[in-house]
Amino acid sequence: AAPDVVAALLKAWHEAIKETHRFGETPLKMACLCGASFEVTTLLLNTWLHYKENRTKSAIISLQRDNFNFAGDIIVLFSHLYALCSNDTDNPSPNEIMDCFIHVEMWNGVTLN
């Protein structure tokens, strides 16, 4: 779907981000599995992170366990998100992560730092 269509849907029905289809996948997980555009994926991720229950380490790590069809900038975005939940010393610094989230205007990601 086009980013403007997804944005309009989420504006009209914010709770749509929590809906699941018959196999239990949310719009964010479907977008990741199907290789949706960077714009659509970041829009869905930012909306998903709007909900407090999704800003926990376990919720974020649950995304990492799925076998997503990530490419390019989406890999960087999710690796920065996962880095917030890891104690690995090879992770980017919190400032680098925040800069990434600010650059793509993922404001709910910025609040995780």
Protein backbone atom coordinates (compact mmCIF):
# COMPACT_ATOMS: atom_id res chain seq x y z
CA ALA A 1 0.00 0.00 0.00
CA ALA A 2 1.09 3.56 -0.58
CA PRO A 3 2.36 5.45 2.49
CA ASP A 4 -0.39 8.07 2.21
CA VAL A 5 -3.06 5.36 2.21
CA VAL A 6 -1.55 3.69 5.28
CA ALA A 7 -1.21 7.07 7.02
CA ALA A 8 -4.84 7.94 6.29
CA LEU A 9 -6.03 4.56 7.59
CA LEU A 10 -4.01 4.89 10.80
CA LYS A 11 -5.21 8.45 11.30
CA ALA A 12 -8.83 7.36 10.96
CA TRP A 13 -8.37 4.10 12.91
CA HIS A 14 -5.27 4.23 15.11
CA GLU A 15 -6.12 0.89 16.72
CA ALA A 16 -5.74 -0.83 13.33
CA ILE A 17 -2.08 -1.34 14.20
CA LYS A 18 -3.20 -3.90 16.81
CA GLU A 19 -5.52 -5.83 14.51
CA THR A 20 -4.48 -9.30 13.39
CA HIS A 21 -5.44 -11.35 10.38
CA ARG A 22 -6.55 -14.96 10.55
CA PHE A 23 -2.98 -16.20 11.16
CA GLY A 24 -2.39 -13.69 13.97
CA GLU A 25 -0.08 -11.29 12.16
CA THR A 26 -0.33 -7.54 12.77
CA PRO A 27 0.01 -4.94 9.99
CA LEU A 28 3.61 -4.25 11.10
CA LYS A 29 4.57 -7.91 10.93
CA MET A 30 2.85 -8.32 7.56
CA ALA A 31 4.67 -5.28 6.19
CA CYS A 32 7.98 -6.71 7.39
CA LEU A 33 7.25 -10.19 6.04
CA CYS A 34 6.18 -8.86 2.64
CA GLY A 35 9.02 -6.38 2.21
CA ALA A 36 6.91 -3.21 2.35
CA SER A 37 8.56 0.11 1.53
CA PHE A 38 10.70 1.93 4.07
CA GLU A 39 8.06 4.65 4.39
CA VAL A 40 5.24 2.21 5.14
CA THR A 41 7.38 0.16 7.54
CA THR A 42 8.53 3.21 9.52
CA LEU A 43 4.98 4.55 9.67
CA LEU A 44 3.69 1.25 11.03
CA LEU A 45 6.63 0.83 13.43
CA ASN A 46 6.22 4.34 14.81
CA THR A 47 2.50 3.73 15.32
CA TRP A 48 3.21 0.34 16.93
CA LEU A 49 5.70 1.99 19.31
CA HIS A 50 3.05 4.54 20.28
CA TYR A 51 1.52 1.88 22.55
CA LYS A 52 3.27 1.50 25.90
CA GLU A 53 3.04 -2.29 25.84
CA ASN A 54 5.12 -2.34 22.64
CA ARG A 55 7.92 -0.23 24.10
CA THR A 56 9.16 -3.05 26.31
CA LYS A 57 12.27 -5.10 25.77
CA SER A 58 10.24 -8.29 25.33
CA ALA A 59 7.91 -6.74 22.73
CA ILE A 60 10.80 -5.36 20.71
CA ILE A 61 12.78 -8.59 20.93
CA SER A 62 9.67 -10.49 19.75
CA LEU A 63 10.03 -8.64 16.44
CA GLN A 64 13.63 -9.78 16.18
CA ARG A 65 12.62 -13.44 16.43
CA ASP A 66 10.58 -13.25 13.25
CA ASN A 67 12.20 -13.95 9.89
CA PHE A 68 11.54 -10.66 8.12
CA ASN A 69 12.35 -9.69 4.57
CA PHE A 70 14.36 -6.60 5.55
CA ALA A 71 16.41 -4.62 3.06
CA GLY A 72 18.60 -1.50 3.09
CA ASP A 73 17.52 1.23 5.46
CA ILE A 74 14.96 -1.03 7.13
CA ILE A 75 17.80 -3.29 8.32
CA VAL A 76 19.54 -0.28 9.87
CA LEU A 77 16.33 0.96 11.50
CA PHE A 78 15.49 -2.37 13.11
CA SER A 79 19.09 -3.09 14.11
CA HIS A 80 19.11 0.25 15.97
CA LEU A 81 15.81 -0.66 17.62
CA TYR A 82 17.15 -4.08 18.68
CA ALA A 83 20.38 -2.48 19.94
CA LEU A 84 18.37 -0.66 22.59
CA CYS A 85 17.50 -4.06 24.05
CA SER A 86 20.97 -5.57 23.89
CA ASN A 87 24.04 -5.14 26.06
CA ASP A 88 26.38 -5.93 23.16
CA THR A 89 29.34 -3.53 23.18
CA ASP A 90 29.37 -3.48 19.36
CA ASN A 91 26.03 -1.68 19.32
CA PRO A 92 25.76 1.90 18.14
CA SER A 93 25.74 4.52 20.88
CA PRO A 94 22.39 5.79 22.19
CA ASN A 95 23.10 9.11 20.43
CA GLU A 96 23.60 7.34 17.09
CA ILE A 97 20.35 5.45 17.59
CA MET A 98 18.46 8.61 18.51
CA ASP A 99 19.92 10.42 15.49
CA CYS A 100 18.69 7.61 13.24
CA PHE A 101 15.17 7.79 14.69
CA ILE A 102 15.10 11.59 14.41
CA HIS A 103 16.32 11.44 10.81
CA VAL A 104 13.36 9.24 9.80
CA GLU A 105 11.00 11.13 12.13
CA MET A 106 10.19 8.04 14.15
CA TRP A 107 9.31 10.03 17.26
CA ASN A 108 8.10 7.06 19.30
CA GLY A 109 11.50 5.45 18.74
CA VAL A 110 13.27 8.57 20.04
CA THR A 111 11.42 8.25 23.33
CA LEU A 112 12.91 4.79 23.87
CA ASN A 113 16.40 6.20 24.46
